[in-house]
Amino acid sequence: MSKETMSKETLSQTDVRQVHAALNSFLKKIPAHFSAESCADALVSTLAQYVVSNQIFGFLWEPHRRTNNRRRLTFYNGNVVKTQETAPEALAHEEEKDYRNDLRIMIHSSLKTFSSDPAIKKEIEDHGNRSAIEIHFSYYGRPLLWVILGFPNAKKIPPESVQEFLLIFCRCCLVSLHGAYIAEIEEQEGRRQTPQVEERYAKTVQWLHSTVRHLNMGRSALQAGELEGTEDSLERALIVAGVCLAELIALTEDAAKLSGDQPKAIE
């Protein structure tokens, strides 16, 4: 049975063992142009593929400027449908001020605890849902992507095994979102015009080694039983991995311009 046609029974058995397959599916859904929007589309589509819900939609903020403009992503009939809208100003500023982590997953057994946006809460209720999961992705406090999954009632919320899968999968996707976000900001601000391909390659290798260094520091801290040091090193590794990916995106596009070719989609 292909992953695209998995039954609800199979989906309900999703756990951490399927993270690798889910990430492969996520990457294959991203077209040749690797961007925050294409990553968000692929993420929403993959979540719909692996997590059973009554409703799934999200909002992507424009990465190249501080604005309340956001793009709505709705999963409908196997596709992600996009529309432009303006976010409530208070919501956007509250997120920038209050977020301490770049990834937050909030499980609402009852929508009484859903306080992010009253209009969205009503929309979820009107769709026949009484429970929900919120997934907030941000970049140093700036809202990046907000995904909502609606459920008819608390009993339909995925079990702990699926929640664990969700956490690990989203942590991995956060690196892709950050990489695309950074690359687009640098493109908008003209930072990519200065380095030559050789310099870009050297910076990419440097960031790659920095990622590996933080991972090894985390491993050493874990072996020493220093949980706080382990968490700190792994968080740093995630941040640096996003920067490394941004350099890889820029390097690929620069090399394609020199050769006259178009970047290829991830296989």
Protein backbone atom coordinates (compact mmCIF):
# COMPACT_ATOMS: atom_id res chain seq x y z
CA MET A 1 0.00 0.00 0.00
CA SER A 2 1.49 3.36 -0.99
CA LYS A 3 1.82 6.13 1.60
CA GLU A 4 -0.50 8.33 -0.48
CA THR A 5 -3.37 5.84 -0.15
CA MET A 6 -2.95 4.72 3.45
CA SER A 7 -6.18 3.76 5.20
CA LYS A 8 -7.36 5.47 8.38
CA GLU A 9 -6.54 2.29 10.29
CA THR A 10 -2.92 2.49 9.12
CA LEU A 11 -2.77 6.22 9.84
CA SER A 12 -3.95 5.68 13.40
CA GLN A 13 -0.88 3.49 13.96
CA THR A 14 1.55 6.29 13.06
CA ASP A 15 4.52 6.47 15.44
CA VAL A 16 8.17 7.57 15.52
CA ARG A 17 9.20 4.66 13.31
CA GLN A 18 7.51 6.44 10.40
CA VAL A 19 9.33 9.74 10.81
CA HIS A 20 11.89 8.78 8.16
CA ALA A 21 9.20 7.88 5.62
CA ALA A 22 7.25 11.04 6.46
CA LEU A 23 10.33 13.23 5.95
CA ASN A 24 11.01 11.56 2.60
CA SER A 25 7.42 12.29 1.61
CA PHE A 26 7.79 15.88 2.82
CA LEU A 27 10.93 16.45 0.73
CA LYS A 28 9.46 14.86 -2.39
CA LYS A 29 6.49 17.22 -2.20
CA ILE A 30 8.81 20.25 -2.42
CA PRO A 31 9.29 21.39 -6.05
CA ALA A 32 12.51 22.67 -7.60
CA HIS A 33 12.06 26.11 -6.00
CA PHE A 34 12.84 25.49 -2.32
CA SER A 35 11.05 28.26 -0.42
CA ALA A 36 9.20 28.87 2.84
CA GLU A 37 5.92 28.58 0.92
CA SER A 38 6.81 25.29 -0.78
CA CYS A 39 8.01 23.89 2.58
CA ALA A 40 4.78 24.97 4.29
CA ASP A 41 2.67 23.40 1.51
CA ALA A 42 4.61 20.14 1.80
CA LEU A 43 4.36 20.14 5.60
CA VAL A 44 0.58 20.62 5.66
CA SER A 45 0.12 17.97 2.96
CA THR A 46 2.35 15.46 4.80
CA LEU A 47 0.59 16.04 8.12
CA ALA A 48 -2.74 15.33 6.40
CA GLN A 49 -1.18 12.14 5.09
CA TYR A 50 0.06 10.85 8.45
CA VAL A 51 -2.29 12.30 11.09
CA VAL A 52 -6.03 11.62 11.00
CA SER A 53 -8.04 14.80 11.62
CA ASN A 54 -11.40 16.29 10.74
CA GLN A 55 -9.83 19.52 9.47
CA ILE A 56 -6.34 20.81 8.72
CA PHE A 57 -5.29 24.27 7.66
CA GLY A 58 -2.57 26.79 8.41
CA PHE A 59 -1.21 30.29 7.95
CA LEU A 60 2.15 31.29 6.51
CA TRP A 61 3.58 34.73 7.24
CA GLU A 62 5.57 36.49 4.51
CA PRO A 63 9.25 36.00 5.39
CA HIS A 64 10.68 39.04 3.65
CA ARG A 65 9.00 41.76 5.71
CA ARG A 66 7.51 42.31 9.16
CA THR A 67 3.84 42.40 8.32
CA ASN A 68 0.45 41.08 9.33
CA ASN A 69 -0.11 39.72 5.84
CA ARG A 70 -0.31 35.96 5.86
CA ARG A 71 -1.22 33.24 3.41
CA ARG A 72 -3.89 30.75 4.33
CA LEU A 73 -3.16 27.12 3.49
CA THR A 74 -6.19 24.80 3.46
CA PHE A 75 -5.92 21.08 2.77
CA TYR A 76 -8.88 20.19 0.56
CA ASN A 77 -9.43 17.12 -1.65
CA GLY A 78 -5.77 16.12 -1.47
CA ASN A 79 -4.42 19.57 -2.34
CA VAL A 80 -3.26 22.67 -0.47
CA VAL A 81 -5.41 25.64 -1.47
CA LYS A 82 -3.86 29.09 -0.85
CA THR A 83 -5.49 32.47 -0.25
CA GLN A 84 -4.09 35.79 0.99
CA GLU A 85 -5.43 37.52 4.10
CA THR A 86 -4.51 39.88 6.91
CA ALA A 87 -3.89 38.55 10.41
CA PRO A 88 -5.33 40.35 13.44
CA GLU A 89 -2.67 42.88 14.47
CA ALA A 90 -2.87 41.96 18.14
CA LEU A 91 -2.28 38.29 17.35
CA ALA A 92 0.84 38.95 15.29
CA HIS A 93 2.41 41.24 17.90
CA GLU A 94 1.50 38.89 20.73
CA GLU A 95 3.26 36.02 18.99
CA GLU A 96 6.42 38.05 18.34
CA LYS A 97 6.55 39.14 21.99
CA ASP A 98 5.56 35.99 23.82
CA TYR A 99 7.13 33.10 21.93
CA ARG A 100 10.21 31.68 23.64
CA ASN A 101 10.61 28.59 21.46
CA ASP A 102 10.65 28.34 17.69
CA LEU A 103 8.33 25.31 17.86
CA ARG A 104 5.28 24.99 20.09
CA ILE A 105 2.66 22.24 19.89
CA MET A 106 -0.49 22.85 21.91
CA ILE A 107 -3.12 20.14 22.45
CA HIS A 108 -6.64 21.33 23.27
CA SER A 109 -8.91 18.59 24.59
CA SER A 110 -11.54 21.33 24.69
CA LEU A 111 -11.67 24.45 22.55
CA LYS A 112 -12.23 26.42 25.77
CA THR A 113 -8.41 26.58 26.03
CA PHE A 114 -8.00 27.73 22.41
CA SER A 115 -7.19 31.45 22.80
CA SER A 116 -4.94 32.25 19.83
CA ASP A 117 -7.66 33.78 17.63
CA PRO A 118 -11.42 33.90 18.43
CA ALA A 119 -12.35 33.94 14.72
CA ILE A 120 -10.31 30.80 14.03
CA LYS A 121 -11.79 29.13 17.11
CA LYS A 122 -15.29 29.78 15.78
CA GLU A 123 -14.30 28.44 12.36
CA ILE A 124 -13.04 25.23 13.94
CA GLU A 125 -16.27 24.86 15.91
CA ASP A 126 -18.40 25.54 12.82
CA HIS A 127 -16.56 22.68 11.10
CA GLY A 128 -17.89 20.28 13.75
CA ASN A 129 -14.79 20.17 15.95
CA ARG A 130 -14.58 20.33 19.73
CA SER A 131 -10.84 19.65 20.10
CA ALA A 132 -7.72 20.79 18.28
CA ILE A 133 -3.95 20.73 17.97
CA GLU A 134 -2.02 23.91 17.25
CA ILE A 135 1.51 23.86 15.83
CA HIS A 136 3.39 27.17 15.90
CA PHE A 137 6.63 27.58 13.95
CA SER A 138 8.56 30.82 14.42
CA TYR A 139 11.99 32.29 13.82
CA TYR A 140 13.47 34.13 16.81
CA GLY A 141 10.00 35.23 17.86
CA ARG A 142 8.73 36.12 14.40
CA PRO A 143 5.66 34.07 13.45
CA LEU A 144 6.44 31.86 10.48
CA LEU A 145 3.84 29.11 10.17
CA TRP A 146 0.77 28.22 12.22
CA VAL A 147 -0.97 24.89 11.57
CA ILE A 148 -4.29 23.82 13.11
CA LEU A 149 -5.76 20.31 13.16
CA GLY A 150 -9.38 19.95 14.23
CA PHE A 151 -10.99 16.90 15.86
CA PRO A 152 -14.67 16.07 16.59
CA ASN A 153 -13.92 15.43 20.26
CA ALA A 154 -11.11 14.72 22.72
CA LYS A 155 -11.28 10.96 22.07
CA LYS A 156 -10.29 11.58 18.45
CA ILE A 157 -7.08 13.39 19.39
CA PRO A 158 -4.15 11.17 18.32
CA PRO A 159 -2.61 8.96 21.03
CA GLU A 160 0.79 9.64 22.60
CA SER A 161 2.62 7.58 19.95
CA VAL A 162 1.30 9.88 17.21
CA GLN A 163 2.00 12.98 19.30
CA GLU A 164 5.62 11.85 19.68
CA PHE A 165 5.83 11.34 15.91
CA LEU A 166 4.34 14.81 15.42
CA LEU A 167 6.92 16.45 17.69
CA ILE A 168 9.95 14.83 16.03
CA PHE A 169 8.62 15.36 12.51
CA CYS A 170 7.92 19.05 13.18
CA ARG A 171 11.35 19.57 14.73
CA CYS A 172 12.93 18.22 11.55
CA CYS A 173 10.70 20.35 9.31
CA LEU A 174 11.57 23.41 11.39
CA VAL A 175 15.12 23.22 10.00
CA SER A 176 13.77 23.29 6.43
CA LEU A 177 11.46 26.22 7.21
CA HIS A 178 14.29 28.15 8.86
CA GLY A 179 16.68 27.46 5.99
CA ALA A 180 14.18 28.63 3.37
CA TYR A 181 13.21 31.62 5.52
CA ILE A 182 16.82 32.78 5.96
CA ALA A 183 17.58 32.27 2.27
CA GLU A 184 14.58 34.38 1.23
CA ILE A 185 15.44 37.19 3.65
CA GLU A 186 19.02 37.29 2.36
CA GLU A 187 17.74 37.32 -1.21
CA GLN A 188 15.44 40.25 -0.43
CA GLU A 189 18.17 42.19 1.34
CA GLY A 190 20.74 41.50 -1.39
CA ARG A 191 23.18 39.65 0.84
CA ARG A 192 23.68 36.87 -1.67
CA GLN A 193 25.14 39.13 -4.34
CA THR A 194 28.53 39.51 -2.68
CA PRO A 195 30.00 36.00 -2.11
CA GLN A 196 31.45 34.04 -5.02
CA VAL A 197 30.52 30.38 -5.41
CA GLU A 198 33.85 29.34 -3.85
CA GLU A 199 33.20 31.51 -0.80
CA ARG A 200 29.63 30.22 -0.57
CA TYR A 201 30.90 26.64 -0.66
CA ALA A 202 33.44 27.36 2.09
CA LYS A 203 30.72 28.92 4.28
CA THR A 204 28.44 25.92 3.70
CA VAL A 205 31.15 23.51 4.79
CA GLN A 206 31.86 25.70 7.82
CA TRP A 207 28.22 25.67 8.93
CA LEU A 208 28.01 21.91 8.32
CA HIS A 209 30.97 21.29 10.59
CA SER A 210 29.46 23.62 13.17
CA THR A 211 26.27 21.53 13.13
CA VAL A 212 28.27 18.35 13.64
CA ARG A 213 30.23 20.00 16.47
CA HIS A 214 27.06 20.91 18.36
CA LEU A 215 25.67 17.39 17.85
CA ASN A 216 28.84 15.86 19.29
CA MET A 217 28.77 18.26 22.21
CA GLY A 218 25.19 17.20 22.85
CA ARG A 219 26.20 13.55 22.70
CA SER A 220 28.99 14.12 25.22
CA ALA A 221 26.65 16.00 27.55
CA LEU A 222 24.09 13.20 27.28
CA GLN A 223 26.71 10.56 28.15
CA ALA A 224 27.71 12.66 31.15
CA GLY A 225 24.10 12.87 32.29
CA GLU A 226 23.93 16.64 31.75
CA LEU A 227 20.42 17.00 30.38
CA GLU A 228 20.46 20.80 30.31
CA GLY A 229 23.72 20.80 28.35
CA THR A 230 22.32 18.18 25.98
CA GLU A 231 19.21 20.23 25.24
CA ASP A 232 21.25 23.41 24.73
CA SER A 233 23.63 21.74 22.26
CA LEU A 234 20.81 20.12 20.29
CA GLU A 235 18.92 23.43 20.09
CA ARG A 236 22.08 25.10 18.77
CA ALA A 237 22.52 22.30 16.25
CA LEU A 238 18.98 22.87 14.94
CA ILE A 239 19.60 26.60 14.55
CA VAL A 240 22.92 26.13 12.77
CA ALA A 241 21.44 23.41 10.55
CA GLY A 242 18.88 25.95 9.32
CA VAL A 243 21.65 28.41 8.44
CA CYS A 244 23.57 25.63 6.71
CA LEU A 245 20.50 24.76 4.63
CA ALA A 246 20.09 28.43 3.65
CA GLU A 247 23.68 28.41 2.38
CA LEU A 248 23.02 25.20 0.45
CA ILE A 249 19.95 26.75 -1.19
CA ALA A 250 21.97 29.82 -2.17
CA LEU A 251 24.88 27.69 -3.38
CA THR A 252 22.58 25.54 -5.54
CA GLU A 253 20.94 28.58 -7.11
CA ASP A 254 24.28 30.35 -7.71
CA ALA A 255 25.75 27.25 -9.33
CA ALA A 256 22.63 26.87 -11.50
CA LYS A 257 22.97 30.48 -12.69
CA LEU A 258 26.58 29.91 -13.67
CA SER A 259 25.77 26.75 -15.59
CA GLY A 260 22.58 28.14 -17.11
CA ASP A 261 20.54 25.25 -15.68
CA GLN A 262 17.44 25.33 -13.49
CA PRO A 263 17.60 23.85 -9.94
CA LYS A 264 16.16 20.34 -9.85
CA ALA A 265 13.49 19.09 -7.50
CA ILE A 266 14.56 16.84 -4.64
CA GLU A 267 14.28 13.19 -5.64
